[in-house]
């Protein structure tokens, strides 16, 4: 991740990160599971937030309940994410 803390007033912010992994064989019927944690240290709510994630190998990524949400002031929310090749 290029930054761990960003102060934003209005508009939107995109966070980019890269994970590199080597492949020694081709796999199918795979899945991964994890969480995305969004923290709002501000004194105001963040409204209309959409949380997404992606893989670049043709797989599908689903972030549970990640669209059109409000992150309350001084709080954090955890979003489950699931990846798979089908």
C-alpha atoms as a PDB file:
ATOM      1  CA  UNK A   1       0.000   0.000   0.000  1.00  0.00           C
ATOM      2  CA  UNK A   2       1.413   3.382  -0.903  1.00  0.00           C
ATOM      3  CA  UNK A   3      -0.054   5.272   2.105  1.00  0.00           C
ATOM      4  CA  UNK A   4      -1.403   4.089   5.433  1.00  0.00           C
ATOM      5  CA  UNK A   5      -3.198   7.321   6.416  1.00  0.00           C
ATOM      6  CA  UNK A   6      -4.904   9.830   4.148  1.00  0.00           C
ATOM      7  CA  UNK A   7      -6.850  12.915   5.204  1.00  0.00           C
ATOM      8  CA  UNK A   8      -9.646  13.551   2.702  1.00  0.00           C
ATOM      9  CA  UNK A   9     -12.200  16.336   2.613  1.00  0.00           C
ATOM     10  CA  UNK A  10     -14.944  15.625   0.079  1.00  0.00           C
ATOM     11  CA  UNK A  11     -14.594  13.649  -3.121  1.00  0.00           C
ATOM     12  CA  UNK A  12     -13.281  10.101  -3.209  1.00  0.00           C
ATOM     13  CA  UNK A  13     -10.017   8.300  -2.550  1.00  0.00           C
ATOM     14  CA  UNK A  14      -8.635   5.189  -4.233  1.00  0.00           C
ATOM     15  CA  UNK A  15      -6.155   2.985  -2.396  1.00  0.00           C
ATOM     16  CA  UNK A  16      -3.968   0.736  -4.513  1.00  0.00           C
ATOM     17  CA  UNK A  17      -1.904  -2.159  -3.273  1.00  0.00           C
ATOM     18  CA  UNK A  18      -0.010  -4.972  -4.935  1.00  0.00           C
ATOM     19  CA  UNK A  19       0.587  -8.547  -3.854  1.00  0.00           C
ATOM     20  CA  UNK A  20       3.143 -10.581  -5.802  1.00  0.00           C
ATOM     21  CA  UNK A  21       3.064 -14.361  -5.700  1.00  0.00           C
ATOM     22  CA  UNK A  22       4.847 -16.942  -7.799  1.00  0.00           C
ATOM     23  CA  UNK A  23       3.044 -19.771  -9.596  1.00  0.00           C
ATOM     24  CA  UNK A  24       4.515 -23.216  -9.956  1.00  0.00           C
ATOM     25  CA  UNK A  25       1.411 -24.869 -11.411  1.00  0.00           C
ATOM     26  CA  UNK A  26      -2.029 -24.048 -12.783  1.00  0.00           C
ATOM     27  CA  UNK A  27      -4.845 -24.428 -10.304  1.00  0.00           C
ATOM     28  CA  UNK A  28      -8.600 -24.446 -10.593  1.00  0.00           C
ATOM     29  CA  UNK A  29     -11.553 -24.556  -8.240  1.00  0.00           C
ATOM     30  CA  UNK A  30      -9.725 -22.227  -5.856  1.00  0.00           C
ATOM     31  CA  UNK A  31     -11.084 -19.762  -3.337  1.00  0.00           C
ATOM     32  CA  UNK A  32      -9.762 -17.203  -0.866  1.00  0.00           C
ATOM     33  CA  UNK A  33     -11.494 -15.506   2.024  1.00  0.00           C
ATOM     34  CA  UNK A  34     -10.581 -12.477   4.090  1.00  0.00           C
ATOM     35  CA  UNK A  35     -11.682  -9.158   5.534  1.00  0.00           C
ATOM     36  CA  UNK A  36     -11.328  -5.526   4.530  1.00  0.00           C
ATOM     37  CA  UNK A  37     -11.249  -3.117   7.477  1.00  0.00           C
ATOM     38  CA  UNK A  38     -12.231   0.521   6.833  1.00  0.00           C
ATOM     39  CA  UNK A  39     -11.510   3.051   9.592  1.00  0.00           C
ATOM     40  CA  UNK A  40     -13.070   6.517   9.850  1.00  0.00           C
ATOM     41  CA  UNK A  41     -11.160   8.565  12.459  1.00  0.00           C
ATOM     42  CA  UNK A  42     -13.038  11.725  11.448  1.00  0.00           C
ATOM     43  CA  UNK A  43     -15.691  13.533  13.496  1.00  0.00           C
ATOM     44  CA  UNK A  44     -18.218  13.166  10.643  1.00  0.00           C
ATOM     45  CA  UNK A  45     -19.816  10.169   8.939  1.00  0.00           C
ATOM     46  CA  UNK A  46     -18.596   9.047   5.495  1.00  0.00           C
ATOM     47  CA  UNK A  47     -21.701   8.546   3.353  1.00  0.00           C
ATOM     48  CA  UNK A  48     -22.222   6.722   0.067  1.00  0.00           C
ATOM     49  CA  UNK A  49     -19.090   4.567   0.381  1.00  0.00           C
ATOM     50  CA  UNK A  50     -18.619   1.555  -1.902  1.00  0.00           C
ATOM     51  CA  UNK A  51     -15.970  -1.033  -0.994  1.00  0.00           C
ATOM     52  CA  UNK A  52     -14.656  -3.235  -3.822  1.00  0.00           C
ATOM     53  CA  UNK A  53     -11.782  -5.618  -4.424  1.00  0.00           C
ATOM     54  CA  UNK A  54     -10.516  -7.485  -7.480  1.00  0.00           C
ATOM     55  CA  UNK A  55      -8.208 -10.212  -8.711  1.00  0.00           C
ATOM     56  CA  UNK A  56      -6.476 -10.062 -12.082  1.00  0.00           C
ATOM     57  CA  UNK A  57      -6.693 -13.710 -13.092  1.00  0.00           C
ATOM     58  CA  UNK A  58     -10.301 -13.905 -14.221  1.00  0.00           C
ATOM     59  CA  UNK A  59     -11.598 -14.788 -10.776  1.00  0.00           C
ATOM     60  CA  UNK A  60     -14.560 -13.189  -9.076  1.00  0.00           C
ATOM     61  CA  UNK A  61     -14.366 -11.064  -5.916  1.00  0.00           C
ATOM     62  CA  UNK A  62     -17.412 -10.354  -3.782  1.00  0.00           C
ATOM     63  CA  UNK A  63     -17.389  -7.861  -0.890  1.00  0.00           C
ATOM     64  CA  UNK A  64     -20.395  -8.544   1.340  1.00  0.00           C
ATOM     65  CA  UNK A  65     -22.647  -5.497   1.944  1.00  0.00           C
ATOM     66  CA  UNK A  66     -20.040  -3.138   0.465  1.00  0.00           C
ATOM     67  CA  UNK A  67     -22.250  -0.830  -1.618  1.00  0.00           C
ATOM     68  CA  UNK A  68     -23.768   2.519  -0.652  1.00  0.00           C
ATOM     69  CA  UNK A  69     -22.818   2.322   3.004  1.00  0.00           C
ATOM     70  CA  UNK A  70     -22.160   4.890   5.708  1.00  0.00           C
ATOM     71  CA  UNK A  71     -19.069   4.603   7.872  1.00  0.00           C
ATOM     72  CA  UNK A  72     -19.937   6.337  11.146  1.00  0.00           C
ATOM     73  CA  UNK A  73     -17.633   8.963  12.658  1.00  0.00           C
ATOM     74  CA  UNK A  74     -14.825   7.635  14.868  1.00  0.00           C
ATOM     75  CA  UNK A  75     -15.477   3.999  14.003  1.00  0.00           C
ATOM     76  CA  UNK A  76     -14.431   1.099  11.827  1.00  0.00           C
ATOM     77  CA  UNK A  77     -16.328  -1.444   9.763  1.00  0.00           C
ATOM     78  CA  UNK A  78     -15.244  -4.921   8.667  1.00  0.00           C
ATOM     79  CA  UNK A  79     -16.314  -6.319   5.286  1.00  0.00           C
ATOM     80  CA  UNK A  80     -16.005 -10.005   4.435  1.00  0.00           C
ATOM     81  CA  UNK A  81     -14.623 -10.716   0.967  1.00  0.00           C
ATOM     82  CA  UNK A  82     -14.578 -13.925  -0.997  1.00  0.00           C
ATOM     83  CA  UNK A  83     -12.569 -14.702  -4.144  1.00  0.00           C
ATOM     84  CA  UNK A  84     -12.954 -17.629  -6.446  1.00  0.00           C
ATOM     85  CA  UNK A  85     -12.440 -18.809 -10.005  1.00  0.00           C
ATOM     86  CA  UNK A  86     -16.104 -19.478 -10.600  1.00  0.00           C
END
